[in-house]
All heavy atoms as atom14 arrays in JSON, in Angstrom:
{
  "sequence": "DKNTVYLQMNSLKPEDTAVYHCNGGPPGGGDYGLDIPYDYWGQGTQVS",
  "atom14_mask": [
    [1, 1, 1, 1, 1, 1, 1, 1, 0, 0, 0, 0, 0, 0],
    [1, 1, 1, 1, 1, 1, 1, 1, 1, 0, 0, 0, 0, 0],
    [1, 1, 1, 1, 1, 1, 1, 1, 0, 0, 0, 0, 0, 0],
    [1, 1, 1, 1, 1, 1, 1, 0, 0, 0, 0, 0, 0, 0],
    [1, 1, 1, 1, 1, 1, 1, 0, 0, 0, 0, 0, 0, 0],
    [1, 1, 1, 1, 1, 1, 1, 1, 1, 1, 1, 1, 0, 0],
    [1, 1, 1, 1, 1, 1, 1, 1, 0, 0, 0, 0, 0, 0],
    [1, 1, 1, 1, 1, 1, 1, 1, 1, 0, 0, 0, 0, 0],
    [1, 1, 1, 1, 1, 1, 1, 1, 0, 0, 0, 0, 0, 0],
    [1, 1, 1, 1, 1, 1, 1, 1, 0, 0, 0, 0, 0, 0],
    [1, 1, 1, 1, 1, 1, 0, 0, 0, 0, 0, 0, 0, 0],
    [1, 1, 1, 1, 1, 1, 1, 1, 0, 0, 0, 0, 0, 0],
    [1, 1, 1, 1, 1, 1, 1, 1, 1, 0, 0, 0, 0, 0],
    [1, 1, 1, 1, 1, 1, 1, 0, 0, 0, 0, 0, 0, 0],
    [1, 1, 1, 1, 1, 1, 1, 1, 1, 0, 0, 0, 0, 0],
    [1, 1, 1, 1, 1, 1, 1, 1, 0, 0, 0, 0, 0, 0],
    [1, 1, 1, 1, 1, 1, 1, 0, 0, 0, 0, 0, 0, 0],
    [1, 1, 1, 1, 1, 0, 0, 0, 0, 0, 0, 0, 0, 0],
    [1, 1, 1, 1, 1, 1, 1, 0, 0, 0, 0, 0, 0, 0],
    [1, 1, 1, 1, 1, 1, 1, 1, 1, 1, 1, 1, 0, 0],
    [1, 1, 1, 1, 1, 1, 1, 1, 1, 1, 0, 0, 0, 0],
    [1, 1, 1, 1, 1, 1, 0, 0, 0, 0, 0, 0, 0, 0],
    [1, 1, 1, 1, 1, 1, 1, 1, 0, 0, 0, 0, 0, 0],
    [1, 1, 1, 1, 0, 0, 0, 0, 0, 0, 0, 0, 0, 0],
    [1, 1, 1, 1, 0, 0, 0, 0, 0, 0, 0, 0, 0, 0],
    [1, 1, 1, 1, 1, 1, 1, 0, 0, 0, 0, 0, 0, 0],
    [1, 1, 1, 1, 1, 1, 1, 0, 0, 0, 0, 0, 0, 0],
    [1, 1, 1, 1, 0, 0, 0, 0, 0, 0, 0, 0, 0, 0],
    [1, 1, 1, 1, 0, 0, 0, 0, 0, 0, 0, 0, 0, 0],
    [1, 1, 1, 1, 0, 0, 0, 0, 0, 0, 0, 0, 0, 0],
    [1, 1, 1, 1, 1, 1, 1, 1, 0, 0, 0, 0, 0, 0],
    [1, 1, 1, 1, 1, 1, 1, 1, 1, 1, 1, 1, 0, 0],
    [1, 1, 1, 1, 0, 0, 0, 0, 0, 0, 0, 0, 0, 0],
    [1, 1, 1, 1, 1, 1, 1, 1, 0, 0, 0, 0, 0, 0],
    [1, 1, 1, 1, 1, 1, 1, 1, 0, 0, 0, 0, 0, 0],
    [1, 1, 1, 1, 1, 1, 1, 1, 0, 0, 0, 0, 0, 0],
    [1, 1, 1, 1, 1, 1, 1, 0, 0, 0, 0, 0, 0, 0],
    [1, 1, 1, 1, 1, 1, 1, 1, 1, 1, 1, 1, 0, 0],
    [1, 1, 1, 1, 1, 1, 1, 1, 0, 0, 0, 0, 0, 0],
    [1, 1, 1, 1, 1, 1, 1, 1, 1, 1, 1, 1, 0, 0],
    [1, 1, 1, 1, 1, 1, 1, 1, 1, 1, 1, 1, 1, 1],
    [1, 1, 1, 1, 0, 0, 0, 0, 0, 0, 0, 0, 0, 0],
    [1, 1, 1, 1, 1, 1, 1, 1, 1, 0, 0, 0, 0, 0],
    [1, 1, 1, 1, 0, 0, 0, 0, 0, 0, 0, 0, 0, 0],
    [1, 1, 1, 1, 1, 1, 1, 0, 0, 0, 0, 0, 0, 0],
    [1, 1, 1, 1, 1, 1, 1, 1, 1, 0, 0, 0, 0, 0],
    [1, 1, 1, 1, 1, 1, 1, 0, 0, 0, 0, 0, 0, 0],
    [1, 1, 1, 1, 1, 1, 0, 0, 0, 0, 0, 0, 0, 0]
  ],
  "atom14_positions": [
    [[11.63, -3.08, -13.72], [13.09, -3.16, -13.76], [13.69, -2.9, -12.38], [14.74, -3.44, -12.05], [13.66, -2.16, -14.75], [13.37, -2.54, -16.19], [13.09, -3.73, -16.46], [13.42, -1.65, -17.06], [0.0, 0.0, 0.0], [0.0, 0.0, 0.0], [0.0, 0.0, 0.0], [0.0, 0.0, 0.0], [0.0, 0.0, 0.0], [0.0, 0.0, 0.0]],
    [[13.03, -2.08, -11.58], [13.52, -1.74, -10.25], [12.78, -2.48, -9.15], [13.07, -2.26, -7.97], [13.41, -0.23, -10.01], [14.24, 0.61, -10.96], [14.09, 2.09, -10.65], [14.95, 2.94, -11.56], [14.8, 4.38, -11.29], [0.0, 0.0, 0.0], [0.0, 0.0, 0.0], [0.0, 0.0, 0.0], [0.0, 0.0, 0.0], [0.0, 0.0, 0.0]],
    [[11.84, -3.35, -9.52], [11.03, -4.07, -8.54], [10.43, -3.11, -7.52], [10.49, -3.34, -6.3], [11.86, -5.15, -7.84], [12.43, -6.17, -8.79], [13.63, -6.4, -8.84], [11.56, -6.79, -9.57], [0.0, 0.0, 0.0], [0.0, 0.0, 0.0], [0.0, 0.0, 0.0], [0.0, 0.0, 0.0], [0.0, 0.0, 0.0], [0.0, 0.0, 0.0]],
    [[9.84, -2.05, -8.02], [9.34, -0.99, -7.17], [7.93, -0.58, -7.6], [7.64, -0.53, -8.8], [10.27, 0.24, -7.22], [11.58, -0.14, -6.79], [9.76, 1.35, -6.33], [0.0, 0.0, 0.0], [0.0, 0.0, 0.0], [0.0, 0.0, 0.0], [0.0, 0.0, 0.0], [0.0, 0.0, 0.0], [0.0, 0.0, 0.0], [0.0, 0.0, 0.0]],
    [[7.09, -0.32, -6.62], [5.78, 0.23, -6.88], [5.72, 1.61, -6.24], [6.3, 1.84, -5.17], [4.65, -0.7, -6.35], [4.72, -0.85, -4.84], [3.29, -0.18, -6.78], [0.0, 0.0, 0.0], [0.0, 0.0, 0.0], [0.0, 0.0, 0.0], [0.0, 0.0, 0.0], [0.0, 0.0, 0.0], [0.0, 0.0, 0.0], [0.0, 0.0, 0.0]],
    [[5.02, 2.54, -6.9], [4.96, 3.91, -6.46], [3.52, 4.32, -6.19], [2.57, 3.77, -6.75], [5.53, 4.85, -7.52], [6.95, 4.55, -7.92], [7.22, 3.77, -9.04], [8.01, 5.04, -7.18], [8.52, 3.48, -9.41], [9.32, 4.76, -7.55], [9.57, 3.99, -8.66], [10.85, 3.71, -9.03], [0.0, 0.0, 0.0], [0.0, 0.0, 0.0]],
    [[3.37, 5.29, -5.33], [2.09, 5.94, -5.13], [2.32, 7.45, -5.19], [2.88, 8.03, -4.26], [1.47, 5.56, -3.79], [0.05, 6.09, -3.55], [-0.94, 5.43, -4.51], [-0.39, 5.86, -2.11], [0.0, 0.0, 0.0], [0.0, 0.0, 0.0], [0.0, 0.0, 0.0], [0.0, 0.0, 0.0], [0.0, 0.0, 0.0], [0.0, 0.0, 0.0]],
    [[1.91, 8.04, -6.3], [1.98, 9.48, -6.46], [0.73, 10.09, -5.84], [-0.39, 9.74, -6.24], [2.09, 9.87, -7.93], [2.11, 11.36, -8.19], [3.38, 12.01, -7.68], [4.47, 11.51, -7.9], [3.22, 13.14, -6.99], [0.0, 0.0, 0.0], [0.0, 0.0, 0.0], [0.0, 0.0, 0.0], [0.0, 0.0, 0.0], [0.0, 0.0, 0.0]],
    [[0.91, 10.97, -4.88], [-0.19, 11.56, -4.14], [-0.2, 13.06, -4.4], [0.72, 13.76, -4.0], [-0.08, 11.27, -2.65], [0.04, 9.78, -2.32], [0.01, 9.45, -0.54], [1.54, 10.26, -0.06], [0.0, 0.0, 0.0], [0.0, 0.0, 0.0], [0.0, 0.0, 0.0], [0.0, 0.0, 0.0], [0.0, 0.0, 0.0], [0.0, 0.0, 0.0]],
    [[-1.24, 13.51, -5.07], [-1.4, 14.93, -5.37], [-2.63, 15.46, -4.66], [-3.48, 14.71, -4.2], [-1.55, 15.15, -6.88], [-0.33, 14.72, -7.66], [0.8, 14.85, -7.19], [-0.56, 14.24, -8.88], [0.0, 0.0, 0.0], [0.0, 0.0, 0.0], [0.0, 0.0, 0.0], [0.0, 0.0, 0.0], [0.0, 0.0, 0.0], [0.0, 0.0, 0.0]],
    [[-2.72, 16.78, -4.59], [-3.86, 17.45, -3.96], [-4.14, 16.87, -2.58], [-5.28, 16.55, -2.23], [-5.1, 17.33, -4.86], [-4.87, 17.9, -6.13], [0.0, 0.0, 0.0], [0.0, 0.0, 0.0], [0.0, 0.0, 0.0], [0.0, 0.0, 0.0], [0.0, 0.0, 0.0], [0.0, 0.0, 0.0], [0.0, 0.0, 0.0], [0.0, 0.0, 0.0]],
    [[-3.11, 16.77, -1.79], [-3.23, 16.13, -0.48], [-4.17, 16.9, 0.43], [-4.22, 18.13, 0.4], [-1.86, 16.0, 0.17], [-0.98, 14.87, -0.41], [0.47, 15.06, 0.01], [-1.49, 13.52, 0.05], [0.0, 0.0, 0.0], [0.0, 0.0, 0.0], [0.0, 0.0, 0.0], [0.0, 0.0, 0.0], [0.0, 0.0, 0.0], [0.0, 0.0, 0.0]],
    [[-4.88, 16.14, 1.25], [-5.82, 16.68, 2.22], [-5.41, 16.23, 3.62], [-4.77, 15.2, 3.77], [-7.24, 16.18, 1.92], [-7.75, 16.5, 0.53], [-9.12, 15.88, 0.31], [-9.65, 16.18, -1.07], [-10.99, 15.57, -1.3], [0.0, 0.0, 0.0], [0.0, 0.0, 0.0], [0.0, 0.0, 0.0], [0.0, 0.0, 0.0], [0.0, 0.0, 0.0]],
    [[-5.82, 16.98, 4.64], [-5.5, 16.54, 6.01], [-5.98, 15.13, 6.3], [-5.32, 14.41, 7.06], [-6.22, 17.57, 6.87], [-6.23, 18.81, 6.03], [-6.44, 18.31, 4.63], [0.0, 0.0, 0.0], [0.0, 0.0, 0.0], [0.0, 0.0, 0.0], [0.0, 0.0, 0.0], [0.0, 0.0, 0.0], [0.0, 0.0, 0.0], [0.0, 0.0, 0.0]],
    [[-7.1, 14.72, 5.73], [-7.61, 13.38, 5.97], [-6.77, 12.28, 5.33], [-7.02, 11.1, 5.56], [-9.07, 13.25, 5.52], [-9.33, 13.77, 4.12], [-9.88, 15.18, 4.11], [-9.32, 16.04, 4.83], [-10.86, 15.44, 3.39], [0.0, 0.0, 0.0], [0.0, 0.0, 0.0], [0.0, 0.0, 0.0], [0.0, 0.0, 0.0], [0.0, 0.0, 0.0]],
    [[-5.79, 12.65, 4.51], [-4.84, 11.67, 3.98], [-3.76, 11.31, 4.99], [-2.97, 10.39, 4.74], [-4.18, 12.2, 2.71], [-5.15, 12.39, 1.56], [-6.04, 11.53, 1.38], [-5.02, 13.39, 0.84], [0.0, 0.0, 0.0], [0.0, 0.0, 0.0], [0.0, 0.0, 0.0], [0.0, 0.0, 0.0], [0.0, 0.0, 0.0], [0.0, 0.0, 0.0]],
    [[-3.71, 12.01, 6.1], [-2.71, 11.73, 7.13], [-2.89, 10.31, 7.66], [-3.97, 9.94, 8.11], [-2.84, 12.74, 8.28], [-2.54, 14.05, 7.79], [-1.88, 12.4, 9.41], [0.0, 0.0, 0.0], [0.0, 0.0, 0.0], [0.0, 0.0, 0.0], [0.0, 0.0, 0.0], [0.0, 0.0, 0.0], [0.0, 0.0, 0.0], [0.0, 0.0, 0.0]],
    [[-1.83, 9.52, 7.59], [-1.89, 8.12, 8.0], [-0.51, 7.51, 7.85], [0.4, 8.11, 7.26], [-2.89, 7.34, 7.14], [0.0, 0.0, 0.0], [0.0, 0.0, 0.0], [0.0, 0.0, 0.0], [0.0, 0.0, 0.0], [0.0, 0.0, 0.0], [0.0, 0.0, 0.0], [0.0, 0.0, 0.0], [0.0, 0.0, 0.0], [0.0, 0.0, 0.0]],
    [[-0.36, 6.31, 8.38], [0.78, 5.48, 8.06], [0.41, 4.66, 6.83], [-0.62, 3.98, 6.82], [1.18, 4.55, 9.22], [2.32, 3.63, 8.81], [1.57, 5.37, 10.44], [0.0, 0.0, 0.0], [0.0, 0.0, 0.0], [0.0, 0.0, 0.0], [0.0, 0.0, 0.0], [0.0, 0.0, 0.0], [0.0, 0.0, 0.0], [0.0, 0.0, 0.0]],
    [[1.23, 4.75, 5.81], [0.99, 4.05, 4.56], [1.87, 2.81, 4.48], [3.09, 2.9, 4.67], [1.26, 4.96, 3.36], [0.18, 5.99, 3.14], [0.02, 7.04, 4.03], [-0.67, 5.9, 2.05], [-0.98, 7.98, 3.84], [-1.67, 6.83, 1.85], [-1.83, 7.87, 2.74], [-2.82, 8.8, 2.55], [0.0, 0.0, 0.0], [0.0, 0.0, 0.0]],
    [[1.25, 1.67, 4.2], [1.95, 0.39, 4.13], [1.83, -0.2, 2.73], [0.74, -0.26, 2.17], [1.36, -0.61, 5.12], [1.61, -0.29, 6.56], [2.72, -0.77, 7.24], [0.91, 0.45, 7.44], [2.67, -0.33, 8.48], [1.59, 0.41, 8.63], [0.0, 0.0, 0.0], [0.0, 0.0, 0.0], [0.0, 0.0, 0.0], [0.0, 0.0, 0.0]],
    [[2.94, -0.66, 2.22], [2.96, -1.42, 0.98], [2.57, -2.87, 1.27], [2.92, -3.42, 2.32], [4.34, -1.34, 0.36], [4.51, -2.17, -1.23], [0.0, 0.0, 0.0], [0.0, 0.0, 0.0], [0.0, 0.0, 0.0], [0.0, 0.0, 0.0], [0.0, 0.0, 0.0], [0.0, 0.0, 0.0], [0.0, 0.0, 0.0], [0.0, 0.0, 0.0]],
    [[1.86, -3.48, 0.35], [1.39, -4.85, 0.51], [1.49, -5.59, -0.81], [1.31, -5.0, -1.88], [-0.06, -4.86, 1.01], [-0.66, -6.24, 1.09], [-1.41, -6.66, 0.21], [-0.32, -6.97, 2.15], [0.0, 0.0, 0.0], [0.0, 0.0, 0.0], [0.0, 0.0, 0.0], [0.0, 0.0, 0.0], [0.0, 0.0, 0.0], [0.0, 0.0, 0.0]],
    [[1.78, -6.88, -0.75], [1.83, -7.68, -1.96], [1.93, -9.15, -1.66], [2.08, -9.56, -0.5], [0.0, 0.0, 0.0], [0.0, 0.0, 0.0], [0.0, 0.0, 0.0], [0.0, 0.0, 0.0], [0.0, 0.0, 0.0], [0.0, 0.0, 0.0], [0.0, 0.0, 0.0], [0.0, 0.0, 0.0], [0.0, 0.0, 0.0], [0.0, 0.0, 0.0]],
    [[1.83, -9.98, -2.71], [1.95, -11.41, -2.51], [1.65, -12.2, -3.77], [1.37, -11.63, -4.82], [0.0, 0.0, 0.0], [0.0, 0.0, 0.0], [0.0, 0.0, 0.0], [0.0, 0.0, 0.0], [0.0, 0.0, 0.0], [0.0, 0.0, 0.0], [0.0, 0.0, 0.0], [0.0, 0.0, 0.0], [0.0, 0.0, 0.0], [0.0, 0.0, 0.0]],
    [[1.72, -13.52, -3.63], [1.55, -14.41, -4.77], [0.09, -14.61, -5.13], [-0.81, -14.26, -4.35], [2.17, -15.71, -4.28], [1.9, -15.7, -2.81], [2.04, -14.25, -2.4], [0.0, 0.0, 0.0], [0.0, 0.0, 0.0], [0.0, 0.0, 0.0], [0.0, 0.0, 0.0], [0.0, 0.0, 0.0], [0.0, 0.0, 0.0], [0.0, 0.0, 0.0]],
    [[-0.17, -15.19, -6.29], [-1.55, -15.49, -6.67], [-2.23, -16.35, -5.62], [-1.64, -17.3, -5.08], [-1.39, -16.26, -7.99], [-0.09, -15.79, -8.55], [0.78, -15.58, -7.35], [0.0, 0.0, 0.0], [0.0, 0.0, 0.0], [0.0, 0.0, 0.0], [0.0, 0.0, 0.0], [0.0, 0.0, 0.0], [0.0, 0.0, 0.0], [0.0, 0.0, 0.0]],
    [[-3.48, -16.03, -5.34], [-4.24, -16.77, -4.36], [-4.02, -16.36, -2.93], [-4.7, -16.86, -2.03], [0.0, 0.0, 0.0], [0.0, 0.0, 0.0], [0.0, 0.0, 0.0], [0.0, 0.0, 0.0], [0.0, 0.0, 0.0], [0.0, 0.0, 0.0], [0.0, 0.0, 0.0], [0.0, 0.0, 0.0], [0.0, 0.0, 0.0], [0.0, 0.0, 0.0]],
    [[-3.06, -15.46, -2.7], [-2.73, -15.06, -1.34], [-3.58, -13.96, -0.77], [-3.42, -13.61, 0.41], [0.0, 0.0, 0.0], [0.0, 0.0, 0.0], [0.0, 0.0, 0.0], [0.0, 0.0, 0.0], [0.0, 0.0, 0.0], [0.0, 0.0, 0.0], [0.0, 0.0, 0.0], [0.0, 0.0, 0.0], [0.0, 0.0, 0.0], [0.0, 0.0, 0.0]],
    [[-4.44, -13.4, -1.55], [-5.31, -12.33, -1.1], [-6.3, -11.97, -2.18], [-6.38, -12.63, -3.22], [0.0, 0.0, 0.0], [0.0, 0.0, 0.0], [0.0, 0.0, 0.0], [0.0, 0.0, 0.0], [0.0, 0.0, 0.0], [0.0, 0.0, 0.0], [0.0, 0.0, 0.0], [0.0, 0.0, 0.0], [0.0, 0.0, 0.0], [0.0, 0.0, 0.0]],
    [[-7.06, -10.95, -1.92], [-8.04, -10.47, -2.9], [-8.36, -9.03, -2.55], [-9.14, -8.76, -1.63], [-9.3, -11.34, -2.86], [-10.24, -11.06, -4.02], [-10.28, -9.9, -4.5], [-10.96, -11.98, -4.45], [0.0, 0.0, 0.0], [0.0, 0.0, 0.0], [0.0, 0.0, 0.0], [0.0, 0.0, 0.0], [0.0, 0.0, 0.0], [0.0, 0.0, 0.0]],
    [[-7.77, -8.09, -3.29], [-8.01, -6.69, -3.0], [-9.47, -6.3, -3.2], [-9.98, -5.42, -2.52], [-7.11, -5.81, -3.87], [-5.65, -5.85, -3.47], [-4.65, -5.99, -4.45], [-5.26, -5.72, -2.15], [-3.32, -6.02, -4.09], [-3.93, -5.76, -1.79], [-2.96, -5.9, -2.77], [-1.63, -5.92, -2.42], [0.0, 0.0, 0.0], [0.0, 0.0, 0.0]],
    [[-10.12, -6.98, -4.14], [-11.53, -6.7, -4.37], [-12.41, -7.02, -3.17], [-13.47, -6.41, -3.0], [0.0, 0.0, 0.0], [0.0, 0.0, 0.0], [0.0, 0.0, 0.0], [0.0, 0.0, 0.0], [0.0, 0.0, 0.0], [0.0, 0.0, 0.0], [0.0, 0.0, 0.0], [0.0, 0.0, 0.0], [0.0, 0.0, 0.0], [0.0, 0.0, 0.0]],
    [[-11.98, -7.98, -2.36], [-12.7, -8.35, -1.15], [-12.03, -7.8, 0.1], [-12.38, -8.18, 1.21], [-12.8, -9.88, -1.05], [-13.59, -10.57, -2.16], [-13.54, -12.08, -1.98], [-15.03, -10.09, -2.19], [0.0, 0.0, 0.0], [0.0, 0.0, 0.0], [0.0, 0.0, 0.0], [0.0, 0.0, 0.0], [0.0, 0.0, 0.0], [0.0, 0.0, 0.0]],
    [[-11.09, -6.89, -0.08], [-10.35, -6.27, 1.01], [-9.61, -7.31, 1.85], [-9.55, -7.22, 3.08], [-11.27, -5.43, 1.9], [-10.5, -4.44, 2.75], [-9.36, -4.09, 2.39], [-11.05, -4.0, 3.78], [0.0, 0.0, 0.0], [0.0, 0.0, 0.0], [0.0, 0.0, 0.0], [0.0, 0.0, 0.0], [0.0, 0.0, 0.0], [0.0, 0.0, 0.0]],
    [[-9.03, -8.29, 1.17], [-8.19, -9.29, 1.82], [-6.75, -9.03, 1.39], [-6.41, -9.26, 0.22], [-8.61, -10.72, 1.45], [-10.07, -10.97, 1.83], [-7.7, -11.73, 2.13], [-10.61, -12.29, 1.35], [0.0, 0.0, 0.0], [0.0, 0.0, 0.0], [0.0, 0.0, 0.0], [0.0, 0.0, 0.0], [0.0, 0.0, 0.0], [0.0, 0.0, 0.0]],
    [[-5.89, -8.56, 2.28], [-4.52, -8.24, 1.87], [-3.71, -9.49, 1.58], [-4.04, -10.59, 2.02], [-3.97, -7.48, 3.07], [-4.78, -7.95, 4.23], [-6.15, -8.21, 3.68], [0.0, 0.0, 0.0], [0.0, 0.0, 0.0], [0.0, 0.0, 0.0], [0.0, 0.0, 0.0], [0.0, 0.0, 0.0], [0.0, 0.0, 0.0], [0.0, 0.0, 0.0]],
    [[-2.63, -9.31, 0.84], [-1.71, -10.38, 0.54], [-0.69, -10.57, 1.67], [-0.74, -9.88, 2.69], [-1.02, -10.12, -0.81], [-1.96, -10.3, -1.98], [-2.88, -9.32, -2.33], [-1.94, -11.47, -2.74], [-3.75, -9.5, -3.4], [-2.8, -11.65, -3.81], [-3.71, -10.66, -4.13], [-4.57, -10.84, -5.2], [0.0, 0.0, 0.0], [0.0, 0.0, 0.0]],
    [[0.24, -11.49, 1.48], [1.05, -11.99, 2.59], [2.09, -11.03, 3.12], [2.43, -11.06, 4.3], [1.77, -13.28, 2.17], [0.82, -14.45, 1.97], [-0.32, -14.4, 2.45], [1.25, -15.44, 1.32], [0.0, 0.0, 0.0], [0.0, 0.0, 0.0], [0.0, 0.0, 0.0], [0.0, 0.0, 0.0], [0.0, 0.0, 0.0], [0.0, 0.0, 0.0]],
    [[2.63, -10.18, 2.26], [3.81, -9.41, 2.62], [3.48, -7.95, 2.86], [2.72, -7.33, 2.11], [4.89, -9.54, 1.54], [5.24, -10.98, 1.25], [4.93, -11.55, 0.02], [5.86, -11.77, 2.21], [5.23, -12.88, -0.24], [6.16, -13.09, 1.95], [5.85, -13.65, 0.73], [6.15, -14.96, 0.47], [0.0, 0.0, 0.0], [0.0, 0.0, 0.0]],
    [[4.11, -7.4, 3.91], [3.89, -6.01, 4.32], [5.21, -5.29, 4.5], [6.19, -5.86, 4.99], [3.14, -5.95, 5.65], [1.72, -6.4, 5.61], [1.25, -7.64, 5.87], [0.59, -5.57, 5.32], [-0.13, -7.66, 5.75], [-0.56, -6.41, 5.42], [0.41, -4.23, 4.98], [-1.85, -5.93, 5.2], [-0.86, -3.75, 4.76], [-1.97, -4.6, 4.87]],
    [[5.22, -4.03, 4.13], [6.29, -3.15, 4.54], [6.04, -2.61, 5.93], [4.95, -2.78, 6.5], [0.0, 0.0, 0.0], [0.0, 0.0, 0.0], [0.0, 0.0, 0.0], [0.0, 0.0, 0.0], [0.0, 0.0, 0.0], [0.0, 0.0, 0.0], [0.0, 0.0, 0.0], [0.0, 0.0, 0.0], [0.0, 0.0, 0.0], [0.0, 0.0, 0.0]],
    [[7.03, -1.96, 6.5], [6.9, -1.45, 7.86], [6.17, -0.12, 7.93], [5.8, 0.31, 9.03], [8.29, -1.32, 8.51], [8.93, -2.66, 8.81], [10.19, -2.53, 9.63], [11.09, -1.78, 9.26], [10.24, -3.26, 10.74], [0.0, 0.0, 0.0], [0.0, 0.0, 0.0], [0.0, 0.0, 0.0], [0.0, 0.0, 0.0], [0.0, 0.0, 0.0]],
    [[5.96, 0.51, 6.82], [5.15, 1.71, 6.79], [5.96, 2.99, 6.71], [7.11, 3.05, 7.14], [0.0, 0.0, 0.0], [0.0, 0.0, 0.0], [0.0, 0.0, 0.0], [0.0, 0.0, 0.0], [0.0, 0.0, 0.0], [0.0, 0.0, 0.0], [0.0, 0.0, 0.0], [0.0, 0.0, 0.0], [0.0, 0.0, 0.0], [0.0, 0.0, 0.0]],
    [[5.33, 4.01, 6.16], [5.91, 5.34, 6.11], [4.82, 6.35, 6.46], [3.69, 6.26, 5.99], [6.53, 5.63, 4.72], [7.18, 6.9, 4.73], [5.49, 5.6, 3.61], [0.0, 0.0, 0.0], [0.0, 0.0, 0.0], [0.0, 0.0, 0.0], [0.0, 0.0, 0.0], [0.0, 0.0, 0.0], [0.0, 0.0, 0.0], [0.0, 0.0, 0.0]],
    [[5.17, 7.3, 7.32], [4.2, 8.27, 7.82], [4.0, 9.39, 6.81], [4.96, 9.97, 6.31], [4.68, 8.85, 9.15], [3.77, 9.94, 9.72], [2.45, 9.4, 10.23], [2.44, 8.43, 10.99], [1.35, 10.03, 9.83], [0.0, 0.0, 0.0], [0.0, 0.0, 0.0], [0.0, 0.0, 0.0], [0.0, 0.0, 0.0], [0.0, 0.0, 0.0]],
    [[2.73, 9.69, 6.54], [2.35, 10.84, 5.74], [1.51, 11.75, 6.62], [0.51, 11.31, 7.19], [1.56, 10.43, 4.48], [0.99, 11.65, 3.78], [2.45, 9.63, 3.54], [0.0, 0.0, 0.0], [0.0, 0.0, 0.0], [0.0, 0.0, 0.0], [0.0, 0.0, 0.0], [0.0, 0.0, 0.0], [0.0, 0.0, 0.0], [0.0, 0.0, 0.0]],
    [[1.93, 13.0, 6.75], [1.22, 13.97, 7.56], [0.91, 15.19, 6.71], [1.8, 15.75, 6.08], [2.05, 14.38, 8.78], [2.32, 13.26, 9.61], [0.0, 0.0, 0.0], [0.0, 0.0, 0.0], [0.0, 0.0, 0.0], [0.0, 0.0, 0.0], [0.0, 0.0, 0.0], [0.0, 0.0, 0.0], [0.0, 0.0, 0.0], [0.0, 0.0, 0.0]]
  ]
}
């Protein structure tokens, strides 16, 4: 309804520190199972 995807992160560890990017796209545009991202990217949000 909100066209939004969430990532709830619990029990955070220092090794989780990174820039996190949202990714998505149409059918055939990628394959997460083969580590091939889809066409669209967000600009990222820093998690420290």
